[in-house]
């Protein structure tokens, strides 16, 4: 059963995505800045706290988010380079595939240092 709280979570979370896209239409720099803010992570941490999840769960979410962000960063350099050459969908698909490959190699590498992401 969907509760009133779940509906409010959906509305607020969706509003953040719409807000970012609206700012991006008005200004590339401002849209990029707002998109770079960890708004989804902050909202997730708030939702976990409000839903009385254990502090260890909230802490682990922040910890793993840090490690998962790093392998996504190359995509933001490759995307603007490929976009004028390949078009939107092929660029997006290739960036997603590249990010998955980088993440896999990254996770295997980090495992040797005691960070288990898989």
PDB file of N, CA and C in Angstrom:
ATOM      1  N   UNK A   1       0.835  -1.182   0.000  1.00  0.00           N
ATOM      2  CA  UNK A   1       0.000   0.000   0.000  1.00  0.00           C
ATOM      3  C   UNK A   1       0.881   1.247   0.000  1.00  0.00           C
ATOM      4  N   UNK A   2       0.560   2.168  -0.871  1.00  0.00           N
ATOM      5  CA  UNK A   2       1.318   3.403  -0.958  1.00  0.00           C
ATOM      6  C   UNK A   2       0.755   4.388   0.062  1.00  0.00           C
ATOM      7  N   UNK A   3       1.643   4.867   0.922  1.00  0.00           N
ATOM      8  CA  UNK A   3       1.219   5.807   1.957  1.00  0.00           C
ATOM      9  C   UNK A   3       1.346   7.240   1.465  1.00  0.00           C
ATOM     10  N   UNK A   4       0.772   8.137   2.231  1.00  0.00           N
ATOM     11  CA  UNK A   4       0.861   9.559   1.917  1.00  0.00           C
ATOM     12  C   UNK A   4       2.335  10.003   1.909  1.00  0.00           C
ATOM     13  N   UNK A   5       3.109   9.471   2.837  1.00  0.00           N
ATOM     14  CA  UNK A   5       4.526   9.825   2.926  1.00  0.00           C
ATOM     15  C   UNK A   5       5.274   9.417   1.657  1.00  0.00           C
ATOM     16  N   UNK A   6       4.996   8.244   1.133  1.00  0.00           N
ATOM     17  CA  UNK A   6       5.657   7.779  -0.090  1.00  0.00           C
ATOM     18  C   UNK A   6       5.306   8.694  -1.261  1.00  0.00           C
ATOM     19  N   UNK A   7       4.067   9.111  -1.339  1.00  0.00           N
ATOM     20  CA  UNK A   7       3.650  10.022  -2.407  1.00  0.00           C
ATOM     21  C   UNK A   7       4.389  11.354  -2.280  1.00  0.00           C
ATOM     22  N   UNK A   8       4.514  11.863  -1.066  1.00  0.00           N
ATOM     23  CA  UNK A   8       5.249  13.112  -0.831  1.00  0.00           C
ATOM     24  C   UNK A   8       6.712  12.949  -1.238  1.00  0.00           C
ATOM     25  N   UNK A   9       7.309  11.795  -0.908  1.00  0.00           N
ATOM     26  CA  UNK A   9       8.699  11.532  -1.314  1.00  0.00           C
ATOM     27  C   UNK A   9       8.840  11.587  -2.831  1.00  0.00           C
ATOM     28  N   UNK A  10       7.932  10.948  -3.533  1.00  0.00           N
ATOM     29  CA  UNK A  10       7.969  10.952  -5.001  1.00  0.00           C
ATOM     30  C   UNK A  10       7.842  12.371  -5.551  1.00  0.00           C
ATOM     31  N   UNK A  11       6.924  13.134  -5.018  1.00  0.00           N
ATOM     32  CA  UNK A  11       6.689  14.495  -5.508  1.00  0.00           C
ATOM     33  C   UNK A  11       7.924  15.368  -5.287  1.00  0.00           C
ATOM     34  N   UNK A  12       8.487  15.330  -4.098  1.00  0.00           N
ATOM     35  CA  UNK A  12       9.663  16.154  -3.803  1.00  0.00           C
ATOM     36  C   UNK A  12      10.859  15.724  -4.650  1.00  0.00           C
ATOM     37  N   UNK A  13      11.080  14.429  -4.747  1.00  0.00           N
ATOM     38  CA  UNK A  13      12.211  13.921  -5.522  1.00  0.00           C
ATOM     39  C   UNK A  13      12.047  14.262  -6.999  1.00  0.00           C
ATOM     40  N   UNK A  14      10.861  14.086  -7.535  1.00  0.00           N
ATOM     41  CA  UNK A  14      10.611  14.445  -8.937  1.00  0.00           C
ATOM     42  C   UNK A  14      10.774  15.939  -9.148  1.00  0.00           C
ATOM     43  N   UNK A  15      10.343  16.745  -8.189  1.00  0.00           N
ATOM     44  CA  UNK A  15      10.468  18.202  -8.302  1.00  0.00           C
ATOM     45  C   UNK A  15      11.933  18.615  -8.399  1.00  0.00           C
ATOM     46  N   UNK A  16      12.801  17.922  -7.691  1.00  0.00           N
ATOM     47  CA  UNK A  16      14.232  18.237  -7.766  1.00  0.00           C
ATOM     48  C   UNK A  16      14.752  17.998  -9.178  1.00  0.00           C
ATOM     49  N   UNK A  17      14.380  16.883  -9.786  1.00  0.00           N
ATOM     50  CA  UNK A  17      14.830  16.573 -11.151  1.00  0.00           C
ATOM     51  C   UNK A  17      14.295  17.607 -12.129  1.00  0.00           C
ATOM     52  N   UNK A  18      13.032  17.962 -12.017  1.00  0.00           N
ATOM     53  CA  UNK A  18      12.444  18.960 -12.904  1.00  0.00           C
ATOM     54  C   UNK A  18      13.121  20.310 -12.689  1.00  0.00           C
ATOM     55  N   UNK A  19      13.372  20.672 -11.459  1.00  0.00           N
ATOM     56  CA  UNK A  19      14.037  21.938 -11.146  1.00  0.00           C
ATOM     57  C   UNK A  19      15.416  22.020 -11.805  1.00  0.00           C
ATOM     58  N   UNK A  20      16.183  20.947 -11.695  1.00  0.00           N
ATOM     59  CA  UNK A  20      17.511  20.920 -12.306  1.00  0.00           C
ATOM     60  C   UNK A  20      17.397  21.092 -13.821  1.00  0.00           C
ATOM     61  N   UNK A  21      16.472  20.392 -14.447  1.00  0.00           N
ATOM     62  CA  UNK A  21      16.349  20.500 -15.906  1.00  0.00           C
ATOM     63  C   UNK A  21      15.882  21.894 -16.318  1.00  0.00           C
ATOM     64  N   UNK A  22      15.048  22.522 -15.529  1.00  0.00           N
ATOM     65  CA  UNK A  22      14.600  23.884 -15.838  1.00  0.00           C
ATOM     66  C   UNK A  22      15.750  24.873 -15.702  1.00  0.00           C
ATOM     67  N   UNK A  23      16.547  24.744 -14.656  1.00  0.00           N
ATOM     68  CA  UNK A  23      17.725  25.600 -14.509  1.00  0.00           C
ATOM     69  C   UNK A  23      18.714  25.366 -15.652  1.00  0.00           C
ATOM     70  N   UNK A  24      18.867  24.117 -16.069  1.00  0.00           N
ATOM     71  CA  UNK A  24      19.795  23.795 -17.159  1.00  0.00           C
ATOM     72  C   UNK A  24      19.342  24.435 -18.468  1.00  0.00           C
ATOM     73  N   UNK A  25      18.035  24.532 -18.679  1.00  0.00           N
ATOM     74  CA  UNK A  25      17.540  25.200 -19.887  1.00  0.00           C
ATOM     75  C   UNK A  25      17.886  26.683 -19.867  1.00  0.00           C
ATOM     76  N   UNK A  26      17.832  27.287 -18.696  1.00  0.00           N
ATOM     77  CA  UNK A  26      18.088  28.718 -18.569  1.00  0.00           C
ATOM     78  C   UNK A  26      19.579  29.044 -18.599  1.00  0.00           C
ATOM     79  N   UNK A  27      20.395  28.187 -18.003  1.00  0.00           N
ATOM     80  CA  UNK A  27      21.833  28.459 -17.917  1.00  0.00           C
ATOM     81  C   UNK A  27      22.596  27.139 -17.839  1.00  0.00           C
ATOM     82  N   UNK A  28      23.502  26.922 -18.798  1.00  0.00           N
ATOM     83  CA  UNK A  28      24.321  25.703 -18.788  1.00  0.00           C
ATOM     84  C   UNK A  28      25.127  25.589 -17.504  1.00  0.00           C
ATOM     85  N   UNK A  29      25.742  26.689 -17.108  1.00  0.00           N
ATOM     86  CA  UNK A  29      26.593  26.669 -15.914  1.00  0.00           C
ATOM     87  C   UNK A  29      25.789  26.447 -14.641  1.00  0.00           C
ATOM     88  N   UNK A  30      24.700  27.175 -14.492  1.00  0.00           N
ATOM     89  CA  UNK A  30      23.876  27.014 -13.292  1.00  0.00           C
ATOM     90  C   UNK A  30      23.247  25.626 -13.246  1.00  0.00           C
ATOM     91  N   UNK A  31      22.762  25.149 -14.396  1.00  0.00           N
ATOM     92  CA  UNK A  31      22.191  23.802 -14.450  1.00  0.00           C
ATOM     93  C   UNK A  31      23.222  22.751 -14.093  1.00  0.00           C
ATOM     94  N   UNK A  32      24.448  22.910 -14.616  1.00  0.00           N
ATOM     95  CA  UNK A  32      25.524  21.976 -14.287  1.00  0.00           C
ATOM     96  C   UNK A  32      25.884  22.009 -12.814  1.00  0.00           C
ATOM     97  N   UNK A  33      25.937  23.220 -12.260  1.00  0.00           N
ATOM     98  CA  UNK A  33      26.262  23.357 -10.835  1.00  0.00           C
ATOM     99  C   UNK A  33      25.216  22.668  -9.966  1.00  0.00           C
ATOM    100  N   UNK A  34      23.956  22.933 -10.260  1.00  0.00           N
ATOM    101  CA  UNK A  34      22.884  22.320  -9.455  1.00  0.00           C
ATOM    102  C   UNK A  34      22.871  20.806  -9.646  1.00  0.00           C
ATOM    103  N   UNK A  35      23.095  20.343 -10.884  1.00  0.00           N
ATOM    104  CA  UNK A  35      23.128  18.900 -11.132  1.00  0.00           C
ATOM    105  C   UNK A  35      24.297  18.240 -10.413  1.00  0.00           C
ATOM    106  N   UNK A  36      25.401  18.983 -10.252  1.00  0.00           N
ATOM    107  CA  UNK A  36      26.576  18.418  -9.591  1.00  0.00           C
ATOM    108  C   UNK A  36      26.392  18.306  -8.083  1.00  0.00           C
ATOM    109  N   UNK A  37      25.483  19.075  -7.547  1.00  0.00           N
ATOM    110  CA  UNK A  37      25.220  18.969  -6.112  1.00  0.00           C
ATOM    111  C   UNK A  37      24.621  17.592  -5.824  1.00  0.00           C
ATOM    112  N   UNK A  38      24.976  17.021  -4.725  1.00  0.00           N
ATOM    113  CA  UNK A  38      24.452  15.677  -4.422  1.00  0.00           C
ATOM    114  C   UNK A  38      23.024  15.716  -3.878  1.00  0.00           C
ATOM    115  N   UNK A  39      22.120  16.332  -4.647  1.00  0.00           N
ATOM    116  CA  UNK A  39      20.750  16.511  -4.176  1.00  0.00           C
ATOM    117  C   UNK A  39      20.026  15.189  -3.943  1.00  0.00           C
ATOM    118  N   UNK A  40      20.210  14.247  -4.856  1.00  0.00           N
ATOM    119  CA  UNK A  40      19.540  12.948  -4.695  1.00  0.00           C
ATOM    120  C   UNK A  40      20.075  12.241  -3.446  1.00  0.00           C
ATOM    121  N   UNK A  41      21.379  12.318  -3.248  1.00  0.00           N
ATOM    122  CA  UNK A  41      21.969  11.681  -2.069  1.00  0.00           C
ATOM    123  C   UNK A  41      21.475  12.349  -0.790  1.00  0.00           C
ATOM    124  N   UNK A  42      21.430  13.669  -0.779  1.00  0.00           N
ATOM    125  CA  UNK A  42      20.950  14.380   0.409  1.00  0.00           C
ATOM    126  C   UNK A  42      19.492  14.004   0.684  1.00  0.00           C
ATOM    127  N   UNK A  43      18.671  13.980  -0.356  1.00  0.00           N
ATOM    128  CA  UNK A  43      17.275  13.567  -0.158  1.00  0.00           C
ATOM    129  C   UNK A  43      17.184  12.131   0.356  1.00  0.00           C
ATOM    130  N   UNK A  44      18.007  11.256  -0.194  1.00  0.00           N
ATOM    131  CA  UNK A  44      17.996   9.863   0.252  1.00  0.00           C
ATOM    132  C   UNK A  44      18.391   9.762   1.721  1.00  0.00           C
ATOM    133  N   UNK A  45      19.423  10.490   2.115  1.00  0.00           N
ATOM    134  CA  UNK A  45      19.838  10.480   3.522  1.00  0.00           C
ATOM    135  C   UNK A  45      18.711  10.995   4.417  1.00  0.00           C
ATOM    136  N   UNK A  46      18.032  12.043   3.956  1.00  0.00           N
ATOM    137  CA  UNK A  46      16.896  12.572   4.729  1.00  0.00           C
ATOM    138  C   UNK A  46      15.786  11.532   4.826  1.00  0.00           C
ATOM    139  N   UNK A  47      15.438  10.903   3.688  1.00  0.00           N
ATOM    140  CA  UNK A  47      14.355   9.906   3.709  1.00  0.00           C
ATOM    141  C   UNK A  47      14.729   8.740   4.628  1.00  0.00           C
ATOM    142  N   UNK A  48      15.971   8.282   4.562  1.00  0.00           N
ATOM    143  CA  UNK A  48      16.396   7.173   5.436  1.00  0.00           C
ATOM    144  C   UNK A  48      16.279   7.574   6.908  1.00  0.00           C
ATOM    145  N   UNK A  49      16.690   8.801   7.227  1.00  0.00           N
ATOM    146  CA  UNK A  49      16.622   9.272   8.610  1.00  0.00           C
ATOM    147  C   UNK A  49      15.176   9.402   9.081  1.00  0.00           C
ATOM    148  N   UNK A  50      14.334  10.022   8.256  1.00  0.00           N
ATOM    149  CA  UNK A  50      12.927  10.224   8.620  1.00  0.00           C
ATOM    150  C   UNK A  50      12.227   8.875   8.803  1.00  0.00           C
ATOM    151  N   UNK A  51      12.632   7.889   8.001  1.00  0.00           N
ATOM    152  CA  UNK A  51      12.032   6.561   8.104  1.00  0.00           C
ATOM    153  C   UNK A  51      12.671   5.712   9.203  1.00  0.00           C
ATOM    154  N   UNK A  52      13.494   6.377  10.037  1.00  0.00           N
ATOM    155  CA  UNK A  52      14.108   5.755  11.218  1.00  0.00           C
ATOM    156  C   UNK A  52      14.978   4.541  10.886  1.00  0.00           C
ATOM    157  N   UNK A  53      15.715   4.644   9.796  1.00  0.00           N
ATOM    158  CA  UNK A  53      16.671   3.589   9.457  1.00  0.00           C
ATOM    159  C   UNK A  53      17.854   3.684  10.408  1.00  0.00           C
ATOM    160  N   UNK A  54      18.546   2.592  10.650  1.00  0.00           N
ATOM    161  CA  UNK A  54      19.695   2.631  11.558  1.00  0.00           C
ATOM    162  C   UNK A  54      20.774   3.582  11.036  1.00  0.00           C
ATOM    163  N   UNK A  55      21.476   4.207  11.957  1.00  0.00           N
ATOM    164  CA  UNK A  55      22.551   5.127  11.581  1.00  0.00           C
ATOM    165  C   UNK A  55      23.598   4.416  10.721  1.00  0.00           C
ATOM    166  N   UNK A  56      23.816   3.138  10.958  1.00  0.00           N
ATOM    167  CA  UNK A  56      24.791   2.397  10.153  1.00  0.00           C
ATOM    168  C   UNK A  56      24.345   2.330   8.696  1.00  0.00           C
ATOM    169  N   UNK A  57      23.054   2.184   8.441  1.00  0.00           N
ATOM    170  CA  UNK A  57      22.523   2.146   7.079  1.00  0.00           C
ATOM    171  C   UNK A  57      22.723   3.507   6.409  1.00  0.00           C
ATOM    172  N   UNK A  58      22.446   4.588   7.118  1.00  0.00           N
ATOM    173  CA  UNK A  58      22.602   5.936   6.579  1.00  0.00           C
ATOM    174  C   UNK A  58      24.075   6.221   6.297  1.00  0.00           C
ATOM    175  N   UNK A  59      24.919   5.852   7.241  1.00  0.00           N
ATOM    176  CA  UNK A  59      26.358   6.043   7.083  1.00  0.00           C
ATOM    177  C   UNK A  59      26.903   5.242   5.904  1.00  0.00           C
ATOM    178  N   UNK A  60      26.495   3.992   5.791  1.00  0.00           N
ATOM    179  CA  UNK A  60      26.944   3.149   4.673  1.00  0.00           C
ATOM    180  C   UNK A  60      26.507   3.716   3.331  1.00  0.00           C
ATOM    181  N   UNK A  61      25.299   4.282   3.288  1.00  0.00           N
ATOM    182  CA  UNK A  61      24.824   4.871   2.034  1.00  0.00           C
ATOM    183  C   UNK A  61      25.764   5.999   1.592  1.00  0.00           C
ATOM    184  N   UNK A  62      26.119   6.878   2.516  1.00  0.00           N
ATOM    185  CA  UNK A  62      27.026   7.982   2.182  1.00  0.00           C
ATOM    186  C   UNK A  62      28.398   7.450   1.773  1.00  0.00           C
ATOM    187  N   UNK A  63      28.887   6.456   2.490  1.00  0.00           N
ATOM    188  CA  UNK A  63      30.202   5.863   2.198  1.00  0.00           C
ATOM    189  C   UNK A  63      30.244   5.269   0.794  1.00  0.00           C
ATOM    190  N   UNK A  64      29.267   4.450   0.449  1.00  0.00           N
ATOM    191  CA  UNK A  64      29.258   3.814  -0.867  1.00  0.00           C
ATOM    192  C   UNK A  64      28.970   4.813  -1.984  1.00  0.00           C
ATOM    193  N   UNK A  65      28.175   5.835  -1.694  1.00  0.00           N
ATOM    194  CA  UNK A  65      27.936   6.862  -2.704  1.00  0.00           C
ATOM    195  C   UNK A  65      29.250   7.515  -3.112  1.00  0.00           C
ATOM    196  N   UNK A  66      30.114   7.799  -2.145  1.00  0.00           N
ATOM    197  CA  UNK A  66      31.421   8.380  -2.463  1.00  0.00           C
ATOM    198  C   UNK A  66      32.168   7.492  -3.450  1.00  0.00           C
ATOM    199  N   UNK A  67      32.263   6.217  -3.154  1.00  0.00           N
ATOM    200  CA  UNK A  67      33.035   5.316  -4.012  1.00  0.00           C
ATOM    201  C   UNK A  67      32.383   5.118  -5.382  1.00  0.00           C
ATOM    202  N   UNK A  68      31.057   5.179  -5.452  1.00  0.00           N
ATOM    203  CA  UNK A  68      30.372   4.969  -6.727  1.00  0.00           C
ATOM    204  C   UNK A  68      30.410   6.199  -7.632  1.00  0.00           C
ATOM    205  N   UNK A  69      30.583   7.377  -7.070  1.00  0.00           N
ATOM    206  CA  UNK A  69      30.630   8.597  -7.881  1.00  0.00           C
ATOM    207  C   UNK A  69      31.906   8.653  -8.720  1.00  0.00           C
ATOM    208  N   UNK A  70      33.003   8.249  -8.159  1.00  0.00           N
ATOM    209  CA  UNK A  70      34.307   8.399  -8.821  1.00  0.00           C
ATOM    210  C   UNK A  70      34.344   7.782 -10.227  1.00  0.00           C
ATOM    211  N   UNK A  71      33.904   6.537 -10.430  1.00  0.00           N
ATOM    212  CA  UNK A  71      34.000   5.986 -11.793  1.00  0.00           C
ATOM    213  C   UNK A  71      32.999   6.576 -12.783  1.00  0.00           C
ATOM    214  N   UNK A  72      32.058   7.396 -12.309  1.00  0.00           N
ATOM    215  CA  UNK A  72      31.126   8.027 -13.241  1.00  0.00           C
ATOM    216  C   UNK A  72      31.677   9.325 -13.821  1.00  0.00           C
ATOM    217  N   UNK A  73      32.706   9.885 -13.213  1.00  0.00           N
ATOM    218  CA  UNK A  73      33.209  11.196 -13.640  1.00  0.00           C
ATOM    219  C   UNK A  73      33.742  11.237 -15.071  1.00  0.00           C
ATOM    220  N   UNK A  74      34.455  10.217 -15.558  1.00  0.00           N
ATOM    221  CA  UNK A  74      34.925  10.296 -16.953  1.00  0.00           C
ATOM    222  C   UNK A  74      33.802  10.473 -17.973  1.00  0.00           C
ATOM    223  N   UNK A  75      32.625   9.987 -17.667  1.00  0.00           N
ATOM    224  CA  UNK A  75      31.499  10.134 -18.587  1.00  0.00           C
ATOM    225  C   UNK A  75      31.224  11.606 -18.896  1.00  0.00           C
ATOM    226  N   UNK A  76      31.387  12.456 -17.898  1.00  0.00           N
ATOM    227  CA  UNK A  76      31.075  13.872 -18.084  1.00  0.00           C
ATOM    228  C   UNK A  76      32.100  14.593 -18.945  1.00  0.00           C
ATOM    229  N   UNK A  77      33.260  13.988 -19.131  1.00  0.00           N
ATOM    230  CA  UNK A  77      34.241  14.530 -20.080  1.00  0.00           C
ATOM    231  C   UNK A  77      34.035  13.961 -21.474  1.00  0.00           C
ATOM    232  N   UNK A  78      33.708  12.677 -21.544  1.00  0.00           N
ATOM    233  CA  UNK A  78      33.537  12.031 -22.845  1.00  0.00           C
ATOM    234  C   UNK A  78      32.246  12.460 -23.541  1.00  0.00           C
ATOM    235  N   UNK A  79      31.182  12.645 -22.792  1.00  0.00           N
ATOM    236  CA  UNK A  79      29.886  12.970 -23.381  1.00  0.00           C
ATOM    237  C   UNK A  79      29.931  14.218 -24.271  1.00  0.00           C
ATOM    238  N   UNK A  80      30.436  15.368 -23.775  1.00  0.00           N
ATOM    239  CA  UNK A  80      30.439  16.548 -24.649  1.00  0.00           C
ATOM    240  C   UNK A  80      31.374  16.406 -25.852  1.00  0.00           C
ATOM    241  N   UNK A  81      32.385  15.554 -25.740  1.00  0.00           N
ATOM    242  CA  UNK A  81      33.295  15.313 -26.862  1.00  0.00           C
ATOM    243  C   UNK A  81      32.603  14.486 -27.956  1.00  0.00           C
ATOM    244  N   UNK A  82      31.880  13.444 -27.554  1.00  0.00           N
ATOM    245  CA  UNK A  82      31.248  12.547 -28.523  1.00  0.00           C
ATOM    246  C   UNK A  82      29.934  13.075 -29.087  1.00  0.00           C
ATOM    247  N   UNK A  83      29.229  13.879 -28.333  1.00  0.00           N
ATOM    248  CA  UNK A  83      27.895  14.313 -28.733  1.00  0.00           C
ATOM    249  C   UNK A  83      27.828  14.924 -30.133  1.00  0.00           C
ATOM    250  N   UNK A  84      28.687  15.869 -30.487  1.00  0.00           N
ATOM    251  CA  UNK A  84      28.582  16.429 -31.838  1.00  0.00           C
ATOM    252  C   UNK A  84      28.994  15.444 -32.942  1.00  0.00           C
ATOM    253  N   UNK A  85      29.765  14.434 -32.588  1.00  0.00           N
ATOM    254  CA  UNK A  85      30.248  13.456 -33.572  1.00  0.00           C
ATOM    255  C   UNK A  85      29.241  12.322 -33.795  1.00  0.00           C
ATOM    256  N   UNK A  86      28.620  11.844 -32.720  1.00  0.00           N
ATOM    257  CA  UNK A  86      27.784  10.646 -32.790  1.00  0.00           C
ATOM    258  C   UNK A  86      26.293  10.905 -32.622  1.00  0.00           C
ATOM    259  N   UNK A  87      25.907  12.048 -32.089  1.00  0.00           N
ATOM    260  CA  UNK A  87      24.504  12.295 -31.776  1.00  0.00           C
ATOM    261  C   UNK A  87      24.187  11.854 -30.353  1.00  0.00           C
ATOM    262  N   UNK A  88      22.970  12.179 -29.919  1.00  0.00           N
ATOM    263  CA  UNK A  88      22.616  11.980 -28.513  1.00  0.00           C
ATOM    264  C   UNK A  88      22.575  10.518 -28.068  1.00  0.00           C
ATOM    265  N   UNK A  89      21.749   9.693 -28.710  1.00  0.00           N
ATOM    266  CA  UNK A  89      21.538   8.321 -28.210  1.00  0.00           C
ATOM    267  C   UNK A  89      22.799   7.458 -28.287  1.00  0.00           C
ATOM    268  N   UNK A  90      23.533   7.463 -29.403  1.00  0.00           N
ATOM    269  CA  UNK A  90      24.769   6.670 -29.421  1.00  0.00           C
ATOM    270  C   UNK A  90      25.785   7.157 -28.374  1.00  0.00           C
ATOM    271  N   UNK A  91      25.857   8.469 -28.191  1.00  0.00           N
ATOM    272  CA  UNK A  91      26.770   9.011 -27.175  1.00  0.00           C
ATOM    273  C   UNK A  91      26.349   8.569 -25.786  1.00  0.00           C
ATOM    274  N   UNK A  92      25.068   8.685 -25.491  1.00  0.00           N
ATOM    275  CA  UNK A  92      24.575   8.291 -24.167  1.00  0.00           C
ATOM    276  C   UNK A  92      24.825   6.813 -23.915  1.00  0.00           C
ATOM    277  N   UNK A  93      24.502   5.985 -24.894  1.00  0.00           N
ATOM    278  CA  UNK A  93      24.713   4.540 -24.740  1.00  0.00           C
ATOM    279  C   UNK A  93      26.188   4.216 -24.546  1.00  0.00           C
ATOM    280  N   UNK A  94      27.056   4.820 -25.345  1.00  0.00           N
ATOM    281  CA  UNK A  94      28.486   4.528 -25.216  1.00  0.00           C
ATOM    282  C   UNK A  94      29.022   5.011 -23.868  1.00  0.00           C
ATOM    283  N   UNK A  95      28.517   6.122 -23.382  1.00  0.00           N
ATOM    284  CA  UNK A  95      28.956   6.620 -22.075  1.00  0.00           C
ATOM    285  C   UNK A  95      28.496   5.708 -20.939  1.00  0.00           C
ATOM    286  N   UNK A  96      27.285   5.182 -21.057  1.00  0.00           N
ATOM    287  CA  UNK A  96      26.788   4.246 -20.043  1.00  0.00           C
ATOM    288  C   UNK A  96      27.639   2.978 -20.048  1.00  0.00           C
ATOM    289  N   UNK A  97      27.911   2.436 -21.233  1.00  0.00           N
ATOM    290  CA  UNK A  97      28.732   1.224 -21.339  1.00  0.00           C
ATOM    291  C   UNK A  97      30.132   1.493 -20.789  1.00  0.00           C
ATOM    292  N   UNK A  98      30.724   2.627 -21.190  1.00  0.00           N
ATOM    293  CA  UNK A  98      32.059   2.975 -20.699  1.00  0.00           C
ATOM    294  C   UNK A  98      32.062   3.092 -19.174  1.00  0.00           C
ATOM    295  N   UNK A  99      31.034   3.700 -18.613  1.00  0.00           N
ATOM    296  CA  UNK A  99      30.959   3.851 -17.166  1.00  0.00           C
ATOM    297  C   UNK A  99      30.863   2.496 -16.479  1.00  0.00           C
ATOM    298  N   UNK A 100      30.092   1.581 -17.036  1.00  0.00           N
ATOM    299  CA  UNK A 100      29.989   0.237 -16.460  1.00  0.00           C
ATOM    300  C   UNK A 100      31.328  -0.493 -16.503  1.00  0.00           C
ATOM    301  N   UNK A 101      32.048  -0.367 -17.613  1.00  0.00           N
ATOM    302  CA  UNK A 101      33.367  -1.009 -17.732  1.00  0.00           C
ATOM    303  C   UNK A 101      34.336  -0.396 -16.721  1.00  0.00           C
ATOM    304  N   UNK A 102      34.348   0.936 -16.666  1.00  0.00           N
ATOM    305  CA  UNK A 102      35.238   1.610 -15.703  1.00  0.00           C
ATOM    306  C   UNK A 102      34.883   1.202 -14.282  1.00  0.00           C
ATOM    307  N   UNK A 103      33.593   1.151 -13.985  1.00  0.00           N
ATOM    308  CA  UNK A 103      33.179   0.765 -12.640  1.00  0.00           C
ATOM    309  C   UNK A 103      33.654  -0.644 -12.295  1.00  0.00           C
ATOM    310  N   UNK A 104      33.507  -1.560 -13.226  1.00  0.00           N
ATOM    311  CA  UNK A 104      33.923  -2.944 -12.971  1.00  0.00           C
ATOM    312  C   UNK A 104      35.429  -3.017 -12.682  1.00  0.00           C
ATOM    313  N   UNK A 105      36.229  -2.375 -13.511  1.00  0.00           N
ATOM    314  CA  UNK A 105      37.692  -2.369 -13.312  1.00  0.00           C
ATOM    315  C   UNK A 105      38.029  -1.669 -11.991  1.00  0.00           C
ATOM    316  N   UNK A 106      37.355  -0.588 -11.730  1.00  0.00           N
ATOM    317  CA  UNK A 106      37.547   0.182 -10.501  1.00  0.00           C
ATOM    318  C   UNK A 106      37.227  -0.672  -9.271  1.00  0.00           C
ATOM    319  N   UNK A 107      36.095  -1.385  -9.317  1.00  0.00           N
ATOM    320  CA  UNK A 107      35.682  -2.225  -8.190  1.00  0.00           C
ATOM    321  C   UNK A 107      36.682  -3.347  -7.945  1.00  0.00           C
ATOM    322  N   UNK A 108      37.173  -3.954  -9.015  1.00  0.00           N
ATOM    323  CA  UNK A 108      38.165  -5.018  -8.867  1.00  0.00           C
ATOM    324  C   UNK A 108      39.454  -4.461  -8.257  1.00  0.00           C
ATOM    325  N   UNK A 109      39.844  -3.285  -8.707  1.00  0.00           N
ATOM    326  CA  UNK A 109      41.057  -2.649  -8.178  1.00  0.00           C
ATOM    327  C   UNK A 109      40.894  -2.306  -6.703  1.00  0.00           C
ATOM    328  N   UNK A 110      39.768  -1.705  -6.352  1.00  0.00           N
ATOM    329  CA  UNK A 110      39.553  -1.313  -4.959  1.00  0.00           C
ATOM    330  C   UNK A 110      39.442  -2.510  -4.026  1.00  0.00           C
ATOM    331  N   UNK A 111      38.959  -3.624  -4.547  1.00  0.00           N
ATOM    332  CA  UNK A 111      38.830  -4.820  -3.713  1.00  0.00           C
ATOM    333  C   UNK A 111      40.190  -5.238  -3.145  1.00  0.00           C
ATOM    334  N   UNK A 112      41.248  -4.999  -3.913  1.00  0.00           N
ATOM    335  CA  UNK A 112      42.604  -5.319  -3.456  1.00  0.00           C
ATOM    336  C   UNK A 112      43.010  -4.454  -2.264  1.00  0.00           C
ATOM    337  N   UNK A 113      42.302  -3.329  -2.068  1.00  0.00           N
ATOM    338  CA  UNK A 113      42.603  -2.424  -0.954  1.00  0.00           C
ATOM    339  C   UNK A 113      41.554  -2.506   0.151  1.00  0.00           C
ATOM    340  N   UNK A 114      40.705  -3.520   0.083  1.00  0.00           N
ATOM    341  CA  UNK A 114      39.732  -3.746   1.146  1.00  0.00           C
ATOM    342  C   UNK A 114      38.408  -3.030   0.985  1.00  0.00           C
ATOM    343  N   UNK A 115      38.172  -2.385  -0.176  1.00  0.00           N
ATOM    344  CA  UNK A 115      36.893  -1.733  -0.423  1.00  0.00           C
ATOM    345  C   UNK A 115      36.104  -2.629  -1.357  1.00  0.00           C
ATOM    346  N   UNK A 116      35.018  -3.204  -0.853  1.00  0.00           N
ATOM    347  CA  UNK A 116      34.227  -4.166  -1.636  1.00  0.00           C
ATOM    348  C   UNK A 116      32.970  -3.486  -2.166  1.00  0.00           C
ATOM    349  N   UNK A 117      32.936  -3.221  -3.470  1.00  0.00           N
ATOM    350  CA  UNK A 117      31.800  -2.542  -4.088  1.00  0.00           C
ATOM    351  C   UNK A 117      30.860  -3.474  -4.828  1.00  0.00           C
ATOM    352  N   UNK A 118      31.267  -4.693  -5.094  1.00  0.00           N
ATOM    353  CA  UNK A 118      30.401  -5.632  -5.814  1.00  0.00           C
ATOM    354  C   UNK A 118      29.825  -6.670  -4.870  1.00  0.00           C
TER     355      UNK A 118
END
